[in-house]
Structures are given as structure tokens and as C-alpha cells.
Amino acid sequence: MTRETETNAQSAQSDDEVKRRGILRIGTLISALTGLSAVSAVGASSAQAAPGAQTSPDAYVPVAEKGSPSGVATLDGKAKILPIQIPDLSGMYASKSEVKQPSLGKLHAALAQSKSGPVCLAFAGSSSVAGSNATSADKGFVNLLNADIQAAYPSGTGTEHFVVTTGAALSTAPGVQSINAGVGGRVASNILNTTERSHIAAANPSALFVMIGSNDWFKGVPPAEYRASIETFIADMKIRINTPCVYILCHAFRRADVASPAYPYSHYKEVLQAISAADPQNVAFIDVEAVGEVNGLSAEDPLNLLDMDMVHPTDAGHAVIKDTVLEALHLRPPVAVISSGTTRTAVTAPPAGHPIALDYFARADGDIGSALSGQAWSTPSGTWVVGSGKARASTSGTVLLDIGESDDLYISTAMLLSTTEPAAAGVIARAVGDTSRVGAFLDPTGLVNLWIKYGTFNAAVAGATPGSYRASAMNIIGLKIKGNTITTYLNGVQASSYTLNSRESGGLNIAGNTNVGLRSGLSTLHKFDSFAVQSI
């Protein structure tokens, strides 16, 4: 009994401290703007500073108003405001459950490993999760969130992953990758079917974001039934997923097309809060709706967060959802360094950008076919095939994708070089067939060459060994194209940077130079994986 009493007293004291911190934060702002103290500002309506040349601070506060309603607070023996005199500021500071959601520690721990292996995030829900009414896929909140998390926790390889749908192949390369399992029209009771659940579970996500409930509210699903469906879903996924995973319940924007709801929308929010509170080590809660309401979403929607159907987010709405979730996750980008003994050196990291093309080559053995992003591979020279989930040249040569762009690009691929073949291999850009191109090529010694070919010119113009080569392992070779400046990277570390002269620029910047791709020299044994092109 004594221990329980002490625990309750400590909890009450903690609550008081949270409130005091709220006052201090407000006080700092008030002081900065007006010069008044927080205590005098709280009671400013009835305890104004007296006019004249009075110098004693006590003269400003009538004794009768000390500790009285709307008056000025008194202090206890430890010079702290008495709890009974602290005003209710609950609408101005986060509750303890919002300040500390221990379940998010699982996500943070996983993201810290993004440079050593894949970190999967999964998203389940209905049309808003699927990205409905966003003007393009990359403007849906899932894609936006994926990109921002990747920027905060990069792979370190120069290649970041696309968002994929359920059933698509996932990469085993380092970095954050997301599965979007949102399907329009879904409700809590059918949020994911058995196949979709199995696919997500196989990826062992570190976080499963759940944003469902808008359609339940629209259809009048009883909140108790809604809760049972969510709890059953989480319990099932806990059995299926074999690694630590946090379930992040997001209460969505309130749609504006429900004139006479069967239940208040707030009841569905309370369900999600209750589920999170009942399992704080595994479940977190994010109130997206509250941010929308602060901005007048269900009134006149002055920021145009909902589209004309009054249901789905606009691009602006998707961006607000992304920002709200990112803020709630308390993510901060780590410092990029390489450690060697006692030395820590800053990394010149490759750029983050918008994905244009991607291929993991995770398909049946045979012809190289088409990339995961839809473009068809073409082979101006050599013979290229897919074998055991890797691309390779059965005879040396070049394989290309036409992406329609030739500048502001970052091209990269993972390569496993044969130790028995000395020939280099790598990525190319600004290619026209096999007659002109610029490329970054890696050989088995760790040398990265920047190679240019046009007309009769065919030679390396820059080379470096950055010290980041991984012998007998996958290496990420990267090529950045920015105007006349060409930069190469190896495993996220800059190898060289070269500026094209006028002759070289003229030779490469010709019609049809919108192809990017892979080239393998004499070797037929080099293997390629995770080819990616980003617009930067």
C-alpha cells in the first residue's frame, strides 16, 4: 500500500511538473513579446501595473489578489506555484501520453540501422492511404513521408527505394522502403485480406501505419465494432510479424460529406486512443484530424485540404498529413560520418531526389524485360538476362532505359564484381545507343573511373579510389549528372567530380541522349541489383 501511495504521489507530481513546464513555455513567449513575466501575465486582467513612479514590485499586486481567482499565484515553500492555482492549459500543451509514446522507440531503433540493411515501413488503410486525389503518386502522403524519412535516415549507398504496393518485390539492400497497402473503400473489418497480410508480414516491417475509420464513420459502423476490428487486426499481425514492430494508429481528416452521422466522429478517435493507451509498448496514436480542424477543414476549409468531393485530401492535404505524422514521430536526421579507428570523417553524401526509374530484377530467369517502374530495357550491345534475381550480361555490352531526361539525375546500382575478371562495370547516362555516353565504372581493385565516349573519343577523364570499396561484396556505384558537372560515388562516398569542357559537353548533349543504364566490360560474371534513377 505504501509503494502504491508513493507511485500515485510521484505521478501527481509528474503531472504538476508538466503543467509548470507549460506555463514556463508560455511565459517565455510572453516575456519575449511584452516584457511581462509569465506570472504577471496570467493575472494581467485584474492586476495591472500601477501608474507613476512606484518602484516596489509588491505595489503592482494587491495583496487581496494573491492566490485568488483571476489574481496572481502564490508560491509554496520551494518557490513553486501551488498546483491548485495552476490554470488548465491542457489545450496548449501535450499530454503525457502524447509526449512519451514508448512504442516509437522500436521505429527509431530500426531506422538507426538503415545503412546496414533494409528497414520496411507498411501502410494500411483506405483511399487516402492509397493516395486518392493527389495529382501524382509522389504527392500522396505515404510517398511524401517515405521520402522525408529516407532523407532523415539515408541508406548511405546513394540509392533510396520506391514505395511499392502489396505483392511487389522488396529489395534486400540497405535503406528505408515502404509498402502501401491502402485500398479505396476499405473499412476496419476488411482493412487487409489474407494475402495482403502475408505479404506485409513477410517484409517484417518495423512500423505498420494504420489510417482507417473514415468509411466506418460514413457507413455508421458502431464504434465498439470498429474497435473490435482494429484490435483483432493488430493481434493477427503481431502473430504474423516476427520482428519488433510498432502499430501507429492515425485518426484521419474528418470528411465533410456526412450530414447526419450515426455516431460522432470523435468516438472513433477515442477508440484509437484507448487501443494505444492499453498497449503503449506496441501501439502509438497520431491525431491527424486535430490539425485539420485547427485549420478549419470541416468548416470552410480555407487551406483547401479536402478536394471537391469533400472526402479525399488535395495535394495540400496530403502534405499536411505527412507533416503531422513526421512531427509526431520525432524524427531527426543523424550526422553522416565514417569511422576509422578514432577518426570520424564527414561523408560527402549523394543527393536525395525524386525517383524516376527502378528495377530490382526480382523476376523469373530469362530476358531482361521491363523495369519495375515500367520502362522497357533495350540492348544496343551484348546480351542481357535476369538470373537468380540479378541482371547480368551473358556477353559484354550495354543495356538502357529511356527515361526522357538527361540532366539533374542521380543513377546508381548495386554490383557484385567477379574477382576472376579484371574488367570494370557500372552505370551510364546521356547515352545514345552505344555510341555516346558518360559513365561511372568500378573495377575489382576499388578504382572508380569517370568515362566519356562520343565520336572517336573514348577514355577515362577522372579516377579515384575512395576507400569505401567492399571486396567480394555488393558495392553501390553512383553517377550524378548536374549540367556540365559529373560526380561519381562509391557506397555513398564521393569518388571524383569533373566538369565537362565545351567539346565534351557538345559531344554528349545531342538528340536522343535520354537513356540511362548499365554497362559490363569484358566480364560476363558481374551481377547487378537495385538499379535506380532519381531526379535531383
Protein backbone atom coordinates (compact mmCIF):
# COMPACT_ATOMS: atom_id res chain seq x y z
CA MET A 1 0.00 0.00 0.00
CA THR A 2 2.84 2.36 0.85
CA ARG A 3 4.51 1.70 -2.51
CA GLU A 4 1.23 2.33 -4.36
CA THR A 5 0.76 5.61 -2.48
CA GLU A 6 4.29 6.67 -3.38
CA THR A 7 3.70 5.82 -7.04
CA ASN A 8 0.49 7.83 -7.13
CA ALA A 9 2.21 10.77 -5.46
CA GLN A 10 5.04 10.62 -7.99
CA SER A 11 2.53 10.52 -10.84
CA ALA A 12 0.69 13.55 -9.47
CA GLN A 13 3.97 15.38 -9.02
CA SER A 14 4.90 14.50 -12.65
CA ASP A 15 1.57 15.89 -13.86
CA ASP A 16 2.24 19.11 -11.94
CA GLU A 17 5.69 19.37 -13.48
CA VAL A 18 4.25 19.00 -17.00
CA LYS A 19 1.82 21.85 -16.25
CA ARG A 20 4.55 24.04 -14.82
CA ARG A 21 6.65 23.47 -17.96
CA GLY A 22 3.63 24.53 -20.00
CA ILE A 23 3.43 27.79 -18.04
CA LEU A 24 7.14 28.38 -18.38
CA ARG A 25 7.00 27.91 -22.14
CA ILE A 26 4.10 30.36 -22.37
CA GLY A 27 5.90 32.70 -20.03
CA THR A 28 8.98 32.73 -22.20
CA LEU A 29 6.90 33.74 -25.20
CA ILE A 30 5.02 36.41 -23.25
CA SER A 31 8.24 37.83 -21.89
CA ALA A 32 9.77 37.95 -25.34
CA LEU A 33 6.81 39.80 -26.78
CA THR A 34 5.79 42.09 -23.92
CA GLY A 35 8.48 42.16 -21.27
CA LEU A 36 5.99 40.87 -18.69
CA SER A 37 6.64 37.83 -16.55
CA ALA A 38 4.52 34.70 -17.00
CA VAL A 39 3.02 35.08 -13.52
CA SER A 40 2.03 38.72 -14.02
CA ALA A 41 0.65 37.93 -17.49
CA VAL A 42 -1.66 35.22 -16.16
CA GLY A 43 -3.31 37.70 -13.86
CA ALA A 44 -2.97 40.72 -16.13
CA SER A 45 -6.71 41.24 -16.46
CA SER A 46 -7.05 42.29 -12.81
CA ALA A 47 -3.54 43.06 -11.64
CA GLN A 48 -2.25 45.79 -13.90
CA ALA A 49 0.95 47.66 -13.16
CA ALA A 50 0.22 50.85 -11.22
CA PRO A 51 0.99 54.17 -12.88
CA GLY A 52 3.51 56.59 -11.52
CA ALA A 53 6.98 56.20 -10.13
CA GLN A 54 6.40 53.20 -7.87
CA THR A 55 9.49 51.04 -7.61
CA SER A 56 8.45 48.16 -5.35
CA PRO A 57 7.23 45.09 -7.26
CA ASP A 58 4.77 44.37 -4.42
CA ALA A 59 2.99 47.63 -5.21
CA TYR A 60 1.82 46.24 -8.53
CA VAL A 61 -0.15 43.35 -7.00
CA PRO A 62 -2.94 43.98 -4.45
CA VAL A 63 -2.44 41.58 -1.54
CA ALA A 64 -6.09 40.53 -1.80
CA GLU A 65 -5.49 39.18 -5.30
CA LYS A 66 -2.60 36.89 -4.37
CA GLY A 67 -3.83 33.31 -4.76
CA SER A 68 -7.38 34.39 -5.66
CA PRO A 69 -9.29 33.51 -8.83
CA SER A 70 -8.05 35.64 -11.77
CA GLY A 71 -5.44 37.04 -9.43
CA VAL A 72 -1.75 36.25 -9.10
CA ALA A 73 -0.40 32.89 -7.96
CA THR A 74 1.41 32.47 -4.67
CA LEU A 75 4.44 30.20 -4.22
CA ASP A 76 4.99 27.23 -1.93
CA GLY A 77 7.99 26.65 0.33
CA LYS A 78 10.06 25.53 -2.67
CA ALA A 79 9.22 28.70 -4.62
CA LYS A 80 6.87 26.79 -6.94
CA ILE A 81 3.31 27.66 -7.89
CA LEU A 82 0.76 25.72 -5.86
CA PRO A 83 -0.90 23.04 -8.03
CA ILE A 84 -4.37 24.24 -7.04
CA GLN A 85 -3.58 27.68 -8.54
CA ILE A 86 -2.30 26.36 -11.90
CA PRO A 87 -4.82 27.16 -14.68
CA ASP A 88 -6.00 24.43 -17.03
CA LEU A 89 -3.69 24.68 -20.03
CA SER A 90 -4.49 21.22 -21.39
CA GLY A 91 -5.33 22.63 -24.78
CA MET A 92 -1.91 24.29 -25.02
CA TYR A 93 0.48 21.51 -24.07
CA ALA A 94 0.82 17.85 -24.93
CA SER A 95 -0.47 15.25 -22.52
CA LYS A 96 1.97 12.78 -21.01
CA SER A 97 0.75 10.05 -23.37
CA GLU A 98 1.44 12.30 -26.35
CA VAL A 99 4.82 13.44 -25.05
CA LYS A 100 6.05 9.92 -24.44
CA GLN A 101 4.95 7.03 -26.66
CA PRO A 102 7.46 4.31 -25.79
CA SER A 103 6.37 2.15 -28.70
CA LEU A 104 8.01 4.61 -31.12
CA GLY A 105 11.37 3.50 -29.76
CA LYS A 106 11.07 0.38 -31.91
CA LEU A 107 10.84 2.51 -35.05
CA HIS A 108 13.72 4.77 -34.05
CA ALA A 109 15.93 1.76 -33.27
CA ALA A 110 15.18 0.22 -36.66
CA LEU A 111 15.79 3.45 -38.58
CA ALA A 112 19.19 3.77 -36.93
CA GLN A 113 20.14 0.60 -38.84
CA SER A 114 19.10 1.96 -42.27
CA LYS A 115 22.68 1.94 -43.55
CA SER A 116 23.33 -1.68 -42.68
CA GLY A 117 20.18 -3.32 -44.00
CA PRO A 118 16.62 -2.82 -45.23
CA VAL A 119 14.09 -1.09 -42.95
CA CYS A 120 10.50 -1.68 -44.01
CA LEU A 121 7.51 0.55 -43.24
CA ALA A 122 3.98 -0.60 -44.11
CA PHE A 123 0.80 1.44 -44.55
CA ALA A 124 -2.73 0.05 -44.36
CA GLY A 125 -5.99 1.89 -44.84
CA SER A 126 -8.44 3.11 -47.45
CA SER A 127 -8.33 5.63 -50.29
CA SER A 128 -6.41 8.40 -48.54
CA VAL A 129 -3.62 5.97 -47.76
CA ALA A 130 -3.72 4.81 -51.37
CA GLY A 131 -3.12 8.43 -52.41
CA SER A 132 -6.53 9.19 -53.89
CA ASN A 133 -6.96 12.69 -55.38
CA ALA A 134 -3.26 13.51 -55.18
CA THR A 135 -2.26 14.84 -58.60
CA SER A 136 0.53 12.27 -58.85
CA ALA A 137 1.70 9.27 -56.84
CA ASP A 138 4.69 11.11 -55.41
CA LYS A 139 2.36 13.72 -53.87
CA GLY A 140 0.40 11.21 -51.78
CA PHE A 141 1.26 11.41 -48.11
CA VAL A 142 2.74 7.91 -47.99
CA ASN A 143 5.25 8.73 -50.73
CA LEU A 144 5.99 12.12 -49.17
CA LEU A 145 6.55 10.54 -45.76
CA ASN A 146 8.73 7.79 -47.21
CA ALA A 147 10.93 10.40 -48.94
CA ASP A 148 11.31 12.53 -45.80
CA ILE A 149 12.18 9.54 -43.63
CA GLN A 150 14.72 8.43 -46.22
CA ALA A 151 16.23 11.92 -46.13
CA ALA A 152 16.49 11.73 -42.35
CA TYR A 153 17.80 8.15 -42.39
CA PRO A 154 19.53 7.57 -45.75
CA SER A 155 20.79 4.20 -46.90
CA GLY A 156 24.30 5.54 -47.28
CA THR A 157 24.56 3.79 -50.65
CA GLY A 158 23.27 6.61 -52.82
CA THR A 159 20.16 4.61 -53.68
CA GLU A 160 16.81 5.10 -51.95
CA HIS A 161 13.83 2.87 -52.57
CA PHE A 162 10.47 3.44 -54.24
CA VAL A 163 7.19 2.93 -52.41
CA VAL A 164 5.72 -0.37 -53.62
CA THR A 165 2.27 -1.91 -53.43
CA THR A 166 1.46 -5.28 -51.90
CA GLY A 167 2.78 -8.14 -53.97
CA ALA A 168 5.71 -6.20 -55.43
CA ALA A 169 9.24 -7.40 -54.79
CA LEU A 170 11.23 -5.78 -51.99
CA SER A 171 14.95 -5.12 -52.01
CA THR A 172 17.43 -6.62 -49.59
CA ALA A 173 19.70 -3.58 -49.99
CA PRO A 174 20.13 -1.08 -47.13
CA GLY A 175 17.69 1.79 -46.69
CA VAL A 176 14.09 2.61 -45.85
CA GLN A 177 11.44 1.14 -48.12
CA SER A 178 7.67 1.33 -47.80
CA ILE A 179 4.72 -0.85 -48.75
CA ASN A 180 1.47 0.99 -49.48
CA ALA A 181 -1.43 -1.42 -48.91
CA GLY A 182 -4.14 1.25 -48.99
CA VAL A 183 -7.26 0.31 -50.96
CA GLY A 184 -10.21 2.61 -51.61
CA GLY A 185 -13.46 1.75 -49.84
CA ARG A 186 -11.92 -0.40 -47.12
CA VAL A 187 -13.23 -0.32 -43.53
CA ALA A 188 -11.68 -1.64 -40.34
CA SER A 189 -13.28 -5.07 -40.70
CA ASN A 190 -11.63 -5.73 -44.10
CA ILE A 191 -8.57 -3.49 -43.87
CA LEU A 192 -6.27 -6.17 -45.33
CA ASN A 193 -7.10 -9.54 -46.82
CA THR A 194 -5.13 -12.68 -46.02
CA THR A 195 -2.78 -12.35 -48.99
CA GLU A 196 -2.03 -8.71 -48.20
CA ARG A 197 -1.36 -9.53 -44.55
CA SER A 198 1.02 -12.32 -45.54
CA HIS A 199 2.93 -10.07 -47.92
CA ILE A 200 3.38 -7.34 -45.32
CA ALA A 201 4.34 -9.85 -42.62
CA ALA A 202 6.97 -11.41 -44.89
CA ALA A 203 8.66 -7.99 -45.09
CA ASN A 204 8.85 -7.81 -41.27
CA PRO A 205 8.04 -4.09 -41.08
CA SER A 206 9.39 -2.01 -38.22
CA ALA A 207 6.22 0.09 -38.29
CA LEU A 208 2.71 -0.57 -39.56
CA PHE A 209 0.78 2.66 -40.04
CA VAL A 210 -3.00 2.22 -39.84
CA MET A 211 -5.29 5.00 -41.04
CA ILE A 212 -8.81 3.63 -41.27
CA GLY A 213 -12.14 4.85 -39.94
CA SER A 214 -13.45 7.48 -42.35
CA ASN A 215 -15.54 4.92 -44.20
CA ASP A 216 -16.63 3.27 -40.94
CA TRP A 217 -17.98 6.64 -39.78
CA PHE A 218 -19.66 7.24 -43.15
CA LYS A 219 -21.36 3.82 -43.03
CA GLY A 220 -22.38 4.13 -39.38
CA VAL A 221 -20.29 1.23 -38.10
CA PRO A 222 -20.73 1.20 -34.28
CA PRO A 223 -17.54 2.38 -32.52
CA ALA A 224 -17.50 -0.81 -30.44
CA GLU A 225 -17.49 -2.91 -33.61
CA TYR A 226 -14.83 -0.63 -35.10
CA ARG A 227 -12.65 -1.15 -32.03
CA ALA A 228 -13.03 -4.92 -32.15
CA SER A 229 -11.95 -4.96 -35.80
CA ILE A 230 -8.84 -2.86 -35.15
CA GLU A 231 -7.84 -4.92 -32.10
CA THR A 232 -8.35 -8.19 -34.00
CA PHE A 233 -6.27 -6.90 -36.89
CA ILE A 234 -3.37 -5.83 -34.64
CA ALA A 235 -3.47 -9.13 -32.74
CA ASP A 236 -3.30 -11.07 -36.01
CA MET A 237 -0.39 -9.01 -37.36
CA LYS A 238 1.51 -9.43 -34.09
CA ILE A 239 1.40 -13.18 -34.68
CA ARG A 240 2.47 -12.86 -38.31
CA ILE A 241 5.31 -10.33 -37.94
CA ASN A 242 8.46 -11.85 -36.45
CA THR A 243 10.44 -8.70 -35.64
CA PRO A 244 9.77 -5.71 -33.32
CA CYS A 245 7.03 -3.60 -34.88
CA VAL A 246 5.11 -0.55 -33.70
CA TYR A 247 1.48 -0.15 -34.80
CA ILE A 248 0.81 3.54 -35.45
CA LEU A 249 -2.89 4.40 -35.42
CA CYS A 250 -3.67 7.62 -37.31
CA HIS A 251 -7.03 9.35 -36.87
CA ALA A 252 -7.75 10.77 -40.33
CA PHE A 253 -9.20 14.07 -41.51
CA ARG A 254 -12.94 14.34 -40.91
CA ARG A 255 -14.73 14.12 -44.24
CA ALA A 256 -17.33 16.80 -44.95
CA ASP A 257 -19.98 14.74 -46.77
CA VAL A 258 -21.70 13.22 -43.72
CA ALA A 259 -24.71 15.36 -42.83
CA SER A 260 -26.30 13.14 -40.15
CA PRO A 261 -23.75 10.69 -38.75
CA ALA A 262 -24.90 7.76 -36.67
CA TYR A 263 -22.10 8.44 -34.18
CA PRO A 264 -19.85 11.43 -33.51
CA TYR A 265 -16.54 11.19 -35.34
CA SER A 266 -14.79 11.81 -32.03
CA HIS A 267 -15.94 8.37 -30.84
CA TYR A 268 -13.70 6.73 -33.45
CA LYS A 269 -10.79 8.86 -32.30
CA GLU A 270 -11.44 7.78 -28.71
CA VAL A 271 -11.34 4.15 -29.82
CA LEU A 272 -7.86 4.58 -31.32
CA GLN A 273 -6.65 6.46 -28.25
CA ALA A 274 -7.95 3.70 -25.99
CA ILE A 275 -6.26 0.95 -28.02
CA SER A 276 -2.96 2.83 -27.87
CA ALA A 277 -3.29 3.53 -24.14
CA ALA A 278 -4.00 -0.14 -23.45
CA ASP A 279 -0.78 -1.29 -25.19
CA PRO A 280 1.73 1.60 -25.00
CA GLN A 281 4.73 -0.64 -25.66
CA ASN A 282 3.44 -1.65 -29.09
CA VAL A 283 0.85 0.88 -30.25
CA ALA A 284 1.10 4.64 -30.85
CA PHE A 285 -1.56 7.21 -31.75
CA ILE A 286 -1.40 10.27 -34.02
CA ASP A 287 -4.28 12.75 -34.25
CA VAL A 288 -4.26 13.94 -37.86
CA GLU A 289 -7.84 15.20 -37.63
CA ALA A 290 -6.98 17.76 -34.94
CA VAL A 291 -4.54 19.52 -37.26
CA GLY A 292 -7.18 19.67 -39.97
CA GLU A 293 -9.77 21.12 -37.60
CA VAL A 294 -7.37 23.79 -36.34
CA ASN A 295 -7.13 24.88 -39.96
CA GLY A 296 -10.93 24.96 -40.42
CA LEU A 297 -11.17 21.83 -42.54
CA SER A 298 -14.74 20.87 -41.60
CA ALA A 299 -15.94 24.49 -41.82
CA GLU A 300 -14.91 26.43 -44.91
CA ASP A 301 -11.60 24.64 -45.47
CA PRO A 302 -9.69 27.86 -46.23
CA LEU A 303 -6.46 25.98 -46.97
CA ASN A 304 -8.19 23.64 -49.45
CA LEU A 305 -7.12 20.48 -47.64
CA LEU A 306 -10.06 18.44 -48.97
CA ASP A 307 -10.88 18.06 -52.64
CA MET A 308 -14.24 18.99 -54.17
CA ASP A 309 -15.67 15.57 -53.26
CA MET A 310 -15.32 16.67 -49.60
CA VAL A 311 -13.74 13.30 -48.81
CA HIS A 312 -10.21 12.98 -50.11
CA PRO A 313 -7.17 15.17 -49.43
CA THR A 314 -5.79 17.51 -52.06
CA ASP A 315 -2.04 17.75 -52.60
CA ALA A 316 -2.02 20.32 -49.78
CA GLY A 317 -3.98 17.94 -47.57
CA HIS A 318 -1.59 15.07 -48.23
CA ALA A 319 1.32 17.36 -47.38
CA VAL A 320 -0.32 18.34 -44.06
CA ILE A 321 -0.90 14.68 -43.19
CA LYS A 322 2.74 13.93 -43.93
CA ASP A 323 3.98 16.84 -41.82
CA THR A 324 1.70 15.89 -38.92
CA VAL A 325 2.86 12.27 -38.89
CA LEU A 326 6.53 13.19 -39.29
CA GLU A 327 6.33 15.66 -36.38
CA ALA A 328 4.60 13.09 -34.19
CA LEU A 329 7.35 10.56 -34.90
CA HIS A 330 10.02 12.98 -33.56
CA LEU A 331 12.44 12.08 -36.33
CA ARG A 332 15.79 13.87 -36.60
CA PRO A 333 18.45 13.25 -39.28
CA PRO A 334 21.66 11.69 -37.97
CA VAL A 335 25.10 13.10 -38.72
CA ALA A 336 26.67 11.30 -41.67
CA VAL A 337 30.18 10.16 -40.76
CA ILE A 338 32.62 7.36 -41.47
CA SER A 339 34.52 5.97 -38.51
CA SER A 340 38.07 4.65 -38.84
CA GLY A 341 39.77 3.95 -35.54
CA THR A 342 39.49 7.18 -33.58
CA THR A 343 38.82 9.30 -36.67
CA ARG A 344 35.32 10.32 -37.76
CA THR A 345 35.10 11.90 -41.20
CA ALA A 346 32.04 13.65 -42.66
CA VAL A 347 30.65 11.92 -45.73
CA THR A 348 30.01 13.80 -48.96
CA ALA A 349 26.71 12.01 -49.41
CA PRO A 350 24.97 11.56 -52.76
CA PRO A 351 21.86 13.68 -53.31
CA ALA A 352 18.33 12.71 -52.36
CA GLY A 353 15.76 13.14 -55.10
CA HIS A 354 12.52 12.12 -56.75
CA PRO A 355 12.53 8.56 -58.20
CA ILE A 356 12.21 8.17 -61.98
CA ALA A 357 13.19 4.56 -62.63
CA LEU A 358 13.75 1.47 -60.52
CA ASP A 359 14.46 -2.22 -61.05
CA TYR A 360 15.28 -4.93 -58.51
CA PHE A 361 15.34 -7.65 -61.25
CA ALA A 362 13.21 -9.81 -58.95
CA ARG A 363 11.51 -11.84 -61.67
CA ALA A 364 11.78 -15.14 -63.49
CA ASP A 365 15.06 -16.01 -65.16
CA GLY A 366 15.26 -15.05 -68.82
CA ASP A 367 15.10 -11.93 -70.94
CA ILE A 368 15.78 -8.72 -69.04
CA GLY A 369 12.29 -7.40 -69.91
CA SER A 370 10.98 -4.20 -68.29
CA ALA A 371 11.93 -2.28 -65.17
CA LEU A 372 9.75 -2.27 -62.07
CA SER A 373 8.95 1.38 -62.86
CA GLY A 374 7.56 0.39 -66.27
CA GLN A 375 10.23 1.38 -68.81
CA ALA A 376 11.38 -1.36 -71.21
CA TRP A 377 15.05 -2.29 -71.25
CA SER A 378 16.80 -2.19 -74.65
CA THR A 379 20.17 -3.75 -75.52
CA PRO A 380 22.21 -1.78 -78.08
CA SER A 381 25.11 -4.17 -77.49
CA GLY A 382 25.66 -7.50 -75.81
CA THR A 383 23.06 -9.91 -74.45
CA TRP A 384 21.44 -9.14 -71.09
CA VAL A 385 19.39 -11.52 -68.98
CA VAL A 386 17.92 -11.87 -65.50
CA GLY A 387 19.20 -14.77 -63.42
CA SER A 388 18.53 -15.53 -59.75
CA GLY A 389 17.16 -12.04 -59.17
CA LYS A 390 20.16 -10.25 -60.68
CA ALA A 391 20.85 -8.66 -64.07
CA ARG A 392 23.94 -9.78 -65.96
CA ALA A 393 25.43 -9.58 -69.42
CA SER A 394 25.80 -13.05 -70.88
CA THR A 395 28.04 -11.29 -73.40
CA SER A 396 29.58 -7.92 -72.64
CA GLY A 397 27.68 -4.80 -73.59
CA THR A 398 25.16 -2.13 -72.67
CA VAL A 399 21.51 -2.18 -71.58
CA LEU A 400 19.42 1.01 -71.47
CA LEU A 401 16.20 2.61 -70.23
CA ASP A 402 14.84 5.72 -71.94
CA ILE A 403 13.68 8.00 -69.12
CA GLY A 404 13.05 11.11 -71.24
CA GLU A 405 15.57 13.20 -69.28
CA SER A 406 19.31 13.80 -69.49
CA ASP A 407 20.11 16.29 -66.72
CA ASP A 408 19.70 16.72 -62.95
CA LEU A 409 19.93 12.97 -62.41
CA TYR A 410 21.44 10.52 -59.94
CA ILE A 411 21.90 6.99 -61.31
CA SER A 412 23.04 4.08 -59.16
CA THR A 413 23.14 0.32 -58.94
CA ALA A 414 24.37 -2.40 -56.62
CA MET A 415 27.06 -4.59 -58.19
CA LEU A 416 28.81 -7.80 -57.25
CA LEU A 417 32.02 -7.86 -59.27
CA SER A 418 33.68 -11.10 -60.24
CA THR A 419 37.08 -11.48 -58.57
CA THR A 420 38.36 -13.51 -61.52
CA GLU A 421 37.64 -10.88 -64.16
CA PRO A 422 39.55 -7.57 -64.16
CA ALA A 423 37.09 -5.69 -66.38
CA ALA A 424 35.08 -2.82 -64.91
CA ALA A 425 31.32 -2.35 -64.90
CA GLY A 426 28.94 0.40 -63.85
CA VAL A 427 26.19 2.87 -64.70
CA ILE A 428 25.84 5.22 -67.65
CA ALA A 429 23.80 8.28 -68.60
CA ARG A 430 23.29 10.68 -71.51
CA ALA A 431 23.53 7.62 -73.70
CA VAL A 432 22.60 7.39 -77.36
CA GLY A 433 22.67 3.69 -78.19
CA ASP A 434 26.21 2.51 -77.62
CA THR A 435 27.86 5.41 -79.49
CA SER A 436 27.95 8.14 -76.82
CA ARG A 437 27.64 8.12 -73.05
CA VAL A 438 29.13 9.19 -69.72
CA GLY A 439 29.63 6.51 -67.09
CA ALA A 440 30.91 5.63 -63.63
CA PHE A 441 32.76 2.31 -63.68
CA LEU A 442 34.16 0.24 -60.82
CA ASP A 443 36.85 -2.40 -61.12
CA PRO A 444 37.71 -5.18 -58.60
CA THR A 445 40.57 -3.09 -57.12
CA GLY A 446 38.13 -0.42 -55.90
CA LEU A 447 39.05 2.14 -58.58
CA VAL A 448 36.16 4.29 -59.78
CA ASN A 449 36.65 5.78 -63.25
CA LEU A 450 34.57 8.51 -64.88
CA TRP A 451 34.46 7.52 -68.53
CA ILE A 452 33.28 9.54 -71.55
CA LYS A 453 32.53 8.28 -75.05
CA TYR A 454 31.42 10.32 -78.07
CA GLY A 455 32.53 10.40 -81.72
CA THR A 456 36.05 8.99 -81.78
CA PHE A 457 36.76 9.90 -78.16
CA ASN A 458 36.54 7.03 -75.65
CA ALA A 459 38.54 7.43 -72.43
CA ALA A 460 38.57 7.89 -68.67
CA VAL A 461 38.75 11.56 -67.68
CA ALA A 462 38.86 11.15 -63.89
CA GLY A 463 39.58 8.32 -61.49
CA ALA A 464 39.82 7.76 -57.75
CA THR A 465 39.90 5.05 -55.12
CA PRO A 466 37.76 6.50 -52.29
CA GLY A 467 38.50 3.74 -49.78
CA SER A 468 34.89 2.63 -49.46
CA TYR A 469 35.18 -0.47 -51.64
CA ARG A 470 33.83 -3.74 -50.23
CA ALA A 471 35.79 -6.71 -51.54
CA SER A 472 33.74 -9.78 -52.52
CA ALA A 473 30.51 -7.96 -51.63
CA MET A 474 27.84 -5.79 -53.18
CA ASN A 475 29.01 -2.24 -53.91
CA ILE A 476 26.87 0.74 -54.85
CA ILE A 477 28.20 2.77 -57.77
CA GLY A 478 26.60 6.18 -58.32
CA LEU A 479 26.70 8.84 -61.03
CA LYS A 480 25.39 12.39 -60.53
CA ILE A 481 24.64 14.49 -63.62
CA LYS A 482 24.19 18.22 -62.99
CA GLY A 483 24.75 20.38 -66.06
CA ASN A 484 28.41 20.04 -67.02
CA THR A 485 29.41 18.75 -63.58
CA ILE A 486 29.68 14.97 -63.33
CA THR A 487 30.25 13.34 -59.92
CA THR A 488 30.89 9.70 -59.06
CA TYR A 489 30.21 7.88 -55.78
CA LEU A 490 31.10 4.53 -54.26
CA ASN A 491 28.94 3.27 -51.41
CA GLY A 492 27.75 6.79 -50.65
CA VAL A 493 31.24 8.34 -50.62
CA GLN A 494 32.24 10.78 -53.33
CA ALA A 495 34.99 9.42 -55.59
CA SER A 496 35.52 12.25 -58.08
CA SER A 497 33.95 15.34 -59.60
CA TYR A 498 34.64 16.51 -63.14
CA THR A 499 33.50 19.48 -65.25
CA LEU A 500 32.96 18.81 -68.94
CA ASN A 501 34.76 21.14 -71.31
CA SER A 502 32.90 22.65 -74.25
CA ARG A 503 34.00 19.90 -76.64
CA GLU A 504 32.91 17.11 -74.28
CA SER A 505 29.63 18.85 -73.45
CA GLY A 506 28.85 19.27 -77.15
CA GLY A 507 29.66 15.62 -77.82
CA LEU A 508 27.34 14.34 -75.10
CA ASN A 509 24.45 16.81 -75.28
CA ILE A 510 22.93 15.57 -78.51
CA ALA A 511 19.46 14.48 -79.59
CA GLY A 512 18.26 11.20 -78.09
CA ASN A 513 20.62 11.27 -75.08
CA THR A 514 17.87 10.49 -72.57
CA ASN A 515 18.97 6.91 -71.93
CA VAL A 516 20.47 5.59 -68.71
CA GLY A 517 21.55 2.09 -67.89
CA LEU A 518 24.23 -0.48 -67.15
CA ARG A 519 27.42 -1.49 -68.91
CA SER A 520 29.58 -4.52 -68.28
CA GLY A 521 33.06 -4.72 -69.85
CA LEU A 522 34.67 -7.95 -70.88
CA SER A 523 33.28 -9.87 -67.95
CA THR A 524 30.17 -11.99 -68.18
CA LEU A 525 30.16 -12.66 -64.45
CA HIS A 526 29.35 -9.27 -62.90
CA LYS A 527 25.91 -9.14 -61.24
CA PHE A 528 23.65 -6.09 -60.89
CA ASP A 529 20.81 -5.31 -58.49
CA SER A 530 18.73 -2.34 -57.26
CA PHE A 531 19.15 -0.08 -60.29
CA ALA A 532 17.66 3.35 -59.57
CA VAL A 533 17.39 6.76 -61.20
CA GLN A 534 16.39 9.88 -59.28
CA SER A 535 15.68 13.42 -60.43
CA ILE A 536 17.63 15.84 -58.24
